[in-house]
C-alpha cells in the first residue's frame, strides 16, 4: 500500500508544479528488494543495483521533461493502474 500512497503523492505534487517556470522534474522511484538492514539482508539486489534508478532519475540531463509525475522502477515507468489495482 505504501507504493500507492507514494505514487498518489507524487502525482499530486507533479500536478501542482506542472506550470512552474523552474521546470522541476518530479518523480518517485522504487529501488527494489535491496540487501540492507531494512530487508534483514534478504534482498536480491546489491546496494549499487538498488541505487541505479534513483541515481538515474537524479542525473537526468537539464531540460528533460519525461518521465514526469511517475513511479519509476528499473529505469522504467510503472503502470500503477496495472501493478496496483484498487
C-alpha atoms as a PDB file:
ATOM      1  CA  UNK A   1       0.000   0.000   0.000  1.00  0.00           C
ATOM      2  CA  UNK A   2       2.820   2.445   0.662  1.00  0.00           C
ATOM      3  CA  UNK A   3       3.805   2.425  -3.036  1.00  0.00           C
ATOM      4  CA  UNK A   4       0.289   3.500  -3.999  1.00  0.00           C
ATOM      5  CA  UNK A   5       0.393   6.321  -1.448  1.00  0.00           C
ATOM      6  CA  UNK A   6       3.794   7.445  -2.696  1.00  0.00           C
ATOM      7  CA  UNK A   7       2.621   7.377  -6.303  1.00  0.00           C
ATOM      8  CA  UNK A   8      -0.509   9.406  -5.496  1.00  0.00           C
ATOM      9  CA  UNK A   9       1.538  11.960  -3.538  1.00  0.00           C
ATOM     10  CA  UNK A  10       3.954  12.191  -6.472  1.00  0.00           C
ATOM     11  CA  UNK A  11       1.090  12.693  -8.939  1.00  0.00           C
ATOM     12  CA  UNK A  12      -0.447  15.438  -6.766  1.00  0.00           C
ATOM     13  CA  UNK A  13       2.882  17.244  -6.330  1.00  0.00           C
ATOM     14  CA  UNK A  14       3.651  16.947 -10.043  1.00  0.00           C
ATOM     15  CA  UNK A  15       0.245  18.439 -10.905  1.00  0.00           C
ATOM     16  CA  UNK A  16       0.865  21.361  -8.530  1.00  0.00           C
ATOM     17  CA  UNK A  17       4.240  22.124 -10.140  1.00  0.00           C
ATOM     18  CA  UNK A  18       3.282  21.439 -13.776  1.00  0.00           C
ATOM     19  CA  UNK A  19       3.201  25.140 -14.694  1.00  0.00           C
ATOM     20  CA  UNK A  20       6.122  26.196 -12.506  1.00  0.00           C
ATOM     21  CA  UNK A  21       8.582  28.280 -14.566  1.00  0.00           C
ATOM     22  CA  UNK A  22      11.525  26.453 -12.961  1.00  0.00           C
ATOM     23  CA  UNK A  23      10.516  23.233 -14.815  1.00  0.00           C
ATOM     24  CA  UNK A  24      11.103  20.975 -11.812  1.00  0.00           C
ATOM     25  CA  UNK A  25      11.039  17.286 -12.774  1.00  0.00           C
ATOM     26  CA  UNK A  26       9.052  15.337 -10.158  1.00  0.00           C
ATOM     27  CA  UNK A  27       9.012  11.538  -9.941  1.00  0.00           C
ATOM     28  CA  UNK A  28       9.217   8.794  -7.354  1.00  0.00           C
ATOM     29  CA  UNK A  29      11.104   5.543  -7.585  1.00  0.00           C
ATOM     30  CA  UNK A  30      11.311   2.083  -6.143  1.00  0.00           C
ATOM     31  CA  UNK A  31      14.835   0.685  -5.713  1.00  0.00           C
ATOM     32  CA  UNK A  32      13.558  -2.879  -5.415  1.00  0.00           C
ATOM     33  CA  UNK A  33      14.347  -5.512  -2.783  1.00  0.00           C
ATOM     34  CA  UNK A  34      17.821  -4.435  -1.690  1.00  0.00           C
ATOM     35  CA  UNK A  35      20.145  -6.391   0.606  1.00  0.00           C
ATOM     36  CA  UNK A  36      20.206  -3.966   3.566  1.00  0.00           C
ATOM     37  CA  UNK A  37      19.306  -3.889   7.255  1.00  0.00           C
ATOM     38  CA  UNK A  38      15.758  -2.937   6.230  1.00  0.00           C
ATOM     39  CA  UNK A  39      15.323  -6.260   4.390  1.00  0.00           C
ATOM     40  CA  UNK A  40      17.164  -8.209   7.117  1.00  0.00           C
ATOM     41  CA  UNK A  41      19.828  -8.741   4.445  1.00  0.00           C
ATOM     42  CA  UNK A  42      17.487 -10.944   2.417  1.00  0.00           C
ATOM     43  CA  UNK A  43      17.220  -8.587  -0.555  1.00  0.00           C
ATOM     44  CA  UNK A  44      18.117  -9.824  -4.009  1.00  0.00           C
ATOM     45  CA  UNK A  45      19.833  -6.608  -5.128  1.00  0.00           C
ATOM     46  CA  UNK A  46      23.124  -5.112  -4.036  1.00  0.00           C
ATOM     47  CA  UNK A  47      23.151  -1.564  -2.731  1.00  0.00           C
ATOM     48  CA  UNK A  48      24.663  -0.394  -6.030  1.00  0.00           C
ATOM     49  CA  UNK A  49      21.925  -2.137  -8.014  1.00  0.00           C
ATOM     50  CA  UNK A  50      19.272  -0.580  -5.767  1.00  0.00           C
ATOM     51  CA  UNK A  51      20.803   2.863  -6.235  1.00  0.00           C
ATOM     52  CA  UNK A  52      20.694   2.648 -10.038  1.00  0.00           C
ATOM     53  CA  UNK A  53      17.191   4.056 -10.631  1.00  0.00           C
ATOM     54  CA  UNK A  54      17.380   6.850  -8.012  1.00  0.00           C
ATOM     55  CA  UNK A  55      20.756   7.973  -9.407  1.00  0.00           C
ATOM     56  CA  UNK A  56      19.422   7.698 -12.976  1.00  0.00           C
ATOM     57  CA  UNK A  57      16.488   9.982 -12.130  1.00  0.00           C
ATOM     58  CA  UNK A  58      18.629  12.431 -10.151  1.00  0.00           C
ATOM     59  CA  UNK A  59      21.105  12.832 -13.018  1.00  0.00           C
ATOM     60  CA  UNK A  60      18.748  13.183 -15.989  1.00  0.00           C
ATOM     61  CA  UNK A  61      20.044  15.933 -18.284  1.00  0.00           C
ATOM     62  CA  UNK A  62      18.828  19.502 -17.865  1.00  0.00           C
ATOM     63  CA  UNK A  63      15.742  20.107 -19.968  1.00  0.00           C
ATOM     64  CA  UNK A  64      14.448  16.538 -19.632  1.00  0.00           C
ATOM     65  CA  UNK A  65      10.639  16.550 -19.482  1.00  0.00           C
ATOM     66  CA  UNK A  66       9.828  12.839 -19.141  1.00  0.00           C
ATOM     67  CA  UNK A  67       9.129  10.897 -17.075  1.00  0.00           C
ATOM     68  CA  UNK A  68       7.050  13.385 -15.095  1.00  0.00           C
ATOM     69  CA  UNK A  69       4.842  12.595 -12.100  1.00  0.00           C
ATOM     70  CA  UNK A  70       5.529   8.883 -12.439  1.00  0.00           C
ATOM     71  CA  UNK A  71       6.653   5.961 -10.297  1.00  0.00           C
ATOM     72  CA  UNK A  72       9.860   4.546 -11.794  1.00  0.00           C
ATOM     73  CA  UNK A  73      11.460   1.150 -11.159  1.00  0.00           C
ATOM     74  CA  UNK A  74      14.346  -0.454 -13.074  1.00  0.00           C
ATOM     75  CA  UNK A  75      14.569   2.826 -15.055  1.00  0.00           C
ATOM     76  CA  UNK A  76      11.058   2.196 -16.421  1.00  0.00           C
ATOM     77  CA  UNK A  77       7.755   3.872 -15.629  1.00  0.00           C
ATOM     78  CA  UNK A  78       5.499   1.583 -13.605  1.00  0.00           C
ATOM     79  CA  UNK A  79       1.912   1.333 -14.838  1.00  0.00           C
ATOM     80  CA  UNK A  80       0.405   1.820 -11.398  1.00  0.00           C
ATOM     81  CA  UNK A  81      -3.125   1.037 -12.588  1.00  0.00           C
ATOM     82  CA  UNK A  82      -1.936  -2.410 -13.722  1.00  0.00           C
ATOM     83  CA  UNK A  83       0.571  -3.081 -10.947  1.00  0.00           C
ATOM     84  CA  UNK A  84      -1.539  -1.760  -8.056  1.00  0.00           C
ATOM     85  CA  UNK A  85      -5.239  -2.373  -8.773  1.00  0.00           C
ATOM     86  CA  UNK A  86      -7.771  -0.710  -6.413  1.00  0.00           C
END
